[in-house]
Amino acid sequence: MKLIVFGASGRTGQEIVQQALAGQHTVTAFVRNTGSFNLKHERLNVVQGDITAYQEVENAIAGHDAVLSALGPRTLKTRIPALVSGIKNIVSAMESTGVRRLVYESALGVGDSEADQNLVFRYFILPVLLARDYSDHAANEKTIRSSNLDWVIVRPARLVDGPQTGKYEVGLKLSATFPFGKVTRADVAEFMLRQLTDNA
């Protein structure tokens, strides 16, 4: 498949790119700064662009089979104000170019999954540490859900670095150990890529 990855220079994004290439896909990495992206491969095309510039996004998406988004802040102390408008551009560009499959990385606790989390998360961690980031994800989920795309929203627990393990729980409602539960970025990348071919 011909895939385009937004947020490709981030830690999860790089995992997605590397695993996609290992899976024999052809990949376009859409990055804001090529200096922060050092991966090279014969089936990898790196495009420098701005997610708030609609035409750049549309030009990049055209001709691909699917889009994966790992866009998000690098730390809890940073925020990407353009994230919401960027996702709107991605969705609009997909609809315009006829690219239908979208896999979006959100976070456990966003939207209707907040009610399934424990009190520590809901009344301390979310309002104190995650409010801005999660509000952006919630807005993006709303944009995606209201589209005509074939979409999957992935809400991982706390992300950590580490190898792909294949040992993680998947479900429509997850809580229990969050926010203390964790999943490796490599496992999240594997799961996101599997959504492109797994119809189960």
Foldseek 3Di string as FASTA:
>chain_A
DEEEEEPLLAPLNVLLVVVCVVVVYQYEYEAQDCVSPDDDDPSYHYHHDDLLPLVSLLVVPAPGQEYEYPDFDNDLVDGDPCLLSSLLSNLVSCVVRVRAEYEYEAAQLADPQVVLEDPCCNPPCCVPRNVVRSVSSNSSVVSVVPGPGRYHYHHFAAEDADAADVDDDDDPHDYVCPNPDYDYSNPVSVVRVVVVPDPD
